[in-house]
Amino acid sequence: MTDQTRWGIDLVQQKNKAIKYQKDLVSRAMDQVVKMDESGITDLMIEIEAEYERKYGQNVAKKYIKTVL
């Protein structure tokens, strides 16, 4: 067990909580995606791509697509 009095433990715990929160968001979103039909999923993909480009820039999105393909 990790010594809870060590310096930086609170930062590690905070980082782990943030990661868990993101994973929980994804799992809740997937619960809703399962309920959608094809057109709803397509619309969602388009909105996700637009949000990704808005947040991280078009160059990053193109770089990511090239590495995946």
N, C-alpha and C. Protein backbone atom coordinates (compact mmCIF):
# COMPACT_ATOMS: atom_id res chain seq x y z
N MET A 1 0.84 -1.18 0.00
CA MET A 1 0.00 0.00 0.00
C MET A 1 0.88 1.24 0.00
N THR A 2 0.46 2.27 -0.72
CA THR A 2 1.23 3.50 -0.84
C THR A 2 1.05 4.35 0.41
N ASP A 3 2.15 4.95 0.84
CA ASP A 3 2.12 5.85 1.99
C ASP A 3 1.34 7.11 1.61
N GLN A 4 0.20 7.35 2.25
CA GLN A 4 -0.67 8.47 1.91
C GLN A 4 -0.12 9.82 2.33
N THR A 5 0.95 9.84 3.11
CA THR A 5 1.52 11.10 3.57
C THR A 5 2.63 11.60 2.64
N ARG A 6 3.00 10.79 1.65
CA ARG A 6 4.07 11.20 0.74
C ARG A 6 3.64 12.39 -0.10
N TRP A 7 4.62 13.20 -0.49
CA TRP A 7 4.36 14.36 -1.32
C TRP A 7 3.90 13.91 -2.70
N GLY A 8 2.85 14.52 -3.21
CA GLY A 8 2.39 14.26 -4.56
C GLY A 8 1.29 13.21 -4.66
N ILE A 9 0.96 12.55 -3.55
CA ILE A 9 -0.09 11.52 -3.59
C ILE A 9 -1.43 12.14 -3.99
N ASP A 10 -1.72 13.33 -3.48
CA ASP A 10 -2.98 13.98 -3.83
C ASP A 10 -3.06 14.28 -5.32
N LEU A 11 -1.91 14.61 -5.93
CA LEU A 11 -1.89 14.87 -7.37
C LEU A 11 -2.16 13.59 -8.17
N VAL A 12 -1.61 12.49 -7.70
CA VAL A 12 -1.84 11.21 -8.36
C VAL A 12 -3.31 10.82 -8.24
N GLN A 13 -3.87 11.00 -7.07
CA GLN A 13 -5.28 10.67 -6.87
C GLN A 13 -6.18 11.55 -7.73
N GLN A 14 -5.85 12.81 -7.84
CA GLN A 14 -6.63 13.73 -8.66
C GLN A 14 -6.57 13.33 -10.13
N LYS A 15 -5.38 12.93 -10.59
CA LYS A 15 -5.22 12.49 -11.97
C LYS A 15 -6.02 11.21 -12.22
N ASN A 16 -5.99 10.28 -11.28
CA ASN A 16 -6.74 9.04 -11.42
C ASN A 16 -8.25 9.29 -11.44
N LYS A 17 -8.71 10.24 -10.64
CA LYS A 17 -10.14 10.57 -10.64
C LYS A 17 -10.55 11.19 -11.97
N ALA A 18 -9.69 12.02 -12.55
CA ALA A 18 -9.99 12.63 -13.85
C ALA A 18 -10.07 11.57 -14.94
N ILE A 19 -9.15 10.61 -14.90
CA ILE A 19 -9.16 9.52 -15.88
C ILE A 19 -10.43 8.69 -15.73
N LYS A 20 -10.79 8.36 -14.50
CA LYS A 20 -12.00 7.58 -14.25
C LYS A 20 -13.24 8.33 -14.71
N TYR A 21 -13.28 9.64 -14.48
CA TYR A 21 -14.42 10.45 -14.91
C TYR A 21 -14.58 10.40 -16.43
N GLN A 22 -13.45 10.52 -17.16
CA GLN A 22 -13.51 10.45 -18.62
C GLN A 22 -14.00 9.09 -19.10
N LYS A 23 -13.52 8.02 -18.46
CA LYS A 23 -13.97 6.67 -18.84
C LYS A 23 -15.46 6.48 -18.54
N ASP A 24 -15.92 7.04 -17.44
CA ASP A 24 -17.34 6.96 -17.10
C ASP A 24 -18.20 7.71 -18.13
N LEU A 25 -17.70 8.87 -18.58
CA LEU A 25 -18.42 9.63 -19.61
C LEU A 25 -18.55 8.81 -20.89
N VAL A 26 -17.47 8.15 -21.28
CA VAL A 26 -17.49 7.33 -22.49
C VAL A 26 -18.47 6.18 -22.35
N SER A 27 -18.47 5.51 -21.21
CA SER A 27 -19.37 4.36 -21.03
C SER A 27 -20.83 4.80 -21.01
N ARG A 28 -21.12 5.96 -20.40
CA ARG A 28 -22.49 6.46 -20.42
C ARG A 28 -22.92 6.85 -21.82
N ALA A 29 -22.00 7.44 -22.58
CA ALA A 29 -22.32 7.81 -23.97
C ALA A 29 -22.57 6.56 -24.81
N MET A 30 -21.79 5.52 -24.58
CA MET A 30 -21.98 4.29 -25.35
C MET A 30 -23.31 3.63 -25.01
N ASP A 31 -23.78 3.77 -23.79
CA ASP A 31 -25.10 3.25 -23.44
C ASP A 31 -26.18 3.89 -24.30
N GLN A 32 -26.01 5.18 -24.58
CA GLN A 32 -26.98 5.89 -25.41
C GLN A 32 -26.81 5.56 -26.89
N VAL A 33 -25.56 5.37 -27.33
CA VAL A 33 -25.30 5.05 -28.73
C VAL A 33 -25.93 3.71 -29.11
N VAL A 34 -25.91 2.77 -28.19
CA VAL A 34 -26.49 1.46 -28.45
C VAL A 34 -27.98 1.59 -28.79
N LYS A 35 -28.63 2.58 -28.23
CA LYS A 35 -30.07 2.78 -28.45
C LYS A 35 -30.38 3.49 -29.77
N MET A 36 -29.36 4.06 -30.44
CA MET A 36 -29.57 4.85 -31.65
C MET A 36 -29.67 3.97 -32.89
N ASP A 37 -30.29 4.55 -33.94
CA ASP A 37 -30.29 3.88 -35.23
C ASP A 37 -29.12 4.42 -36.05
N GLU A 38 -29.01 3.95 -37.27
CA GLU A 38 -27.87 4.30 -38.12
C GLU A 38 -27.75 5.80 -38.37
N SER A 39 -28.86 6.46 -38.65
CA SER A 39 -28.81 7.89 -38.96
C SER A 39 -28.40 8.70 -37.73
N GLY A 40 -28.86 8.28 -36.55
CA GLY A 40 -28.47 8.97 -35.32
C GLY A 40 -26.99 8.84 -35.03
N ILE A 41 -26.46 7.64 -35.27
CA ILE A 41 -25.03 7.42 -35.04
C ILE A 41 -24.20 8.22 -36.04
N THR A 42 -24.65 8.29 -37.28
CA THR A 42 -23.94 9.06 -38.30
C THR A 42 -23.92 10.54 -37.92
N ASP A 43 -25.06 11.07 -37.49
CA ASP A 43 -25.12 12.47 -37.06
C ASP A 43 -24.18 12.72 -35.87
N LEU A 44 -24.16 11.79 -34.95
CA LEU A 44 -23.28 11.92 -33.78
C LEU A 44 -21.82 11.93 -34.20
N MET A 45 -21.44 11.06 -35.14
CA MET A 45 -20.05 11.03 -35.61
C MET A 45 -19.65 12.35 -36.23
N ILE A 46 -20.55 12.95 -36.99
CA ILE A 46 -20.25 14.24 -37.62
C ILE A 46 -20.06 15.32 -36.56
N GLU A 47 -20.92 15.32 -35.55
CA GLU A 47 -20.79 16.31 -34.48
C GLU A 47 -19.51 16.10 -33.67
N ILE A 48 -19.13 14.85 -33.44
CA ILE A 48 -17.90 14.56 -32.69
C ILE A 48 -16.69 15.03 -33.49
N GLU A 49 -16.67 14.77 -34.79
CA GLU A 49 -15.56 15.23 -35.63
C GLU A 49 -15.45 16.75 -35.60
N ALA A 50 -16.58 17.44 -35.68
CA ALA A 50 -16.57 18.91 -35.67
C ALA A 50 -16.04 19.43 -34.32
N GLU A 51 -16.47 18.81 -33.24
CA GLU A 51 -16.00 19.24 -31.91
C GLU A 51 -14.51 18.96 -31.75
N TYR A 52 -14.06 17.83 -32.25
CA TYR A 52 -12.63 17.48 -32.18
C TYR A 52 -11.79 18.50 -32.93
N GLU A 53 -12.23 18.86 -34.14
CA GLU A 53 -11.49 19.86 -34.92
C GLU A 53 -11.52 21.22 -34.25
N ARG A 54 -12.66 21.57 -33.63
CA ARG A 54 -12.74 22.86 -32.94
C ARG A 54 -11.78 22.91 -31.76
N LYS A 55 -11.69 21.81 -31.03
CA LYS A 55 -10.84 21.81 -29.84
C LYS A 55 -9.36 21.66 -30.17
N TYR A 56 -9.03 20.78 -31.10
CA TYR A 56 -7.63 20.41 -31.31
C TYR A 56 -7.07 20.86 -32.65
N GLY A 57 -7.86 21.47 -33.47
CA GLY A 57 -7.38 21.99 -34.75
C GLY A 57 -7.47 20.96 -35.86
N GLN A 58 -7.61 21.48 -37.06
CA GLN A 58 -7.80 20.61 -38.21
C GLN A 58 -6.54 19.80 -38.51
N ASN A 59 -5.37 20.37 -38.30
CA ASN A 59 -4.14 19.64 -38.59
C ASN A 59 -4.00 18.40 -37.72
N VAL A 60 -4.39 18.51 -36.48
CA VAL A 60 -4.30 17.36 -35.58
C VAL A 60 -5.28 16.28 -36.02
N ALA A 61 -6.47 16.67 -36.43
CA ALA A 61 -7.45 15.70 -36.88
C ALA A 61 -6.96 14.97 -38.13
N LYS A 62 -6.39 15.68 -39.07
CA LYS A 62 -5.88 15.06 -40.29
C LYS A 62 -4.72 14.12 -39.97
N LYS A 63 -3.84 14.54 -39.05
CA LYS A 63 -2.71 13.70 -38.66
C LYS A 63 -3.23 12.41 -38.02
N TYR A 64 -4.25 12.51 -37.17
CA TYR A 64 -4.81 11.35 -36.51
C TYR A 64 -5.45 10.40 -37.53
N ILE A 65 -6.16 10.94 -38.49
CA ILE A 65 -6.82 10.11 -39.49
C ILE A 65 -5.78 9.39 -40.33
N LYS A 66 -4.68 10.06 -40.69
CA LYS A 66 -3.64 9.42 -41.50
C LYS A 66 -2.98 8.27 -40.75
N THR A 67 -2.76 8.42 -39.43
CA THR A 67 -2.10 7.36 -38.69
C THR A 67 -3.03 6.17 -38.48
N VAL A 68 -4.33 6.41 -38.41
CA VAL A 68 -5.29 5.32 -38.23
C VAL A 68 -5.43 4.53 -39.52
N LEU A 69 -5.50 5.23 -40.64
CA LEU A 69 -5.66 4.56 -41.94
C LEU A 69 -4.37 3.99 -42.34
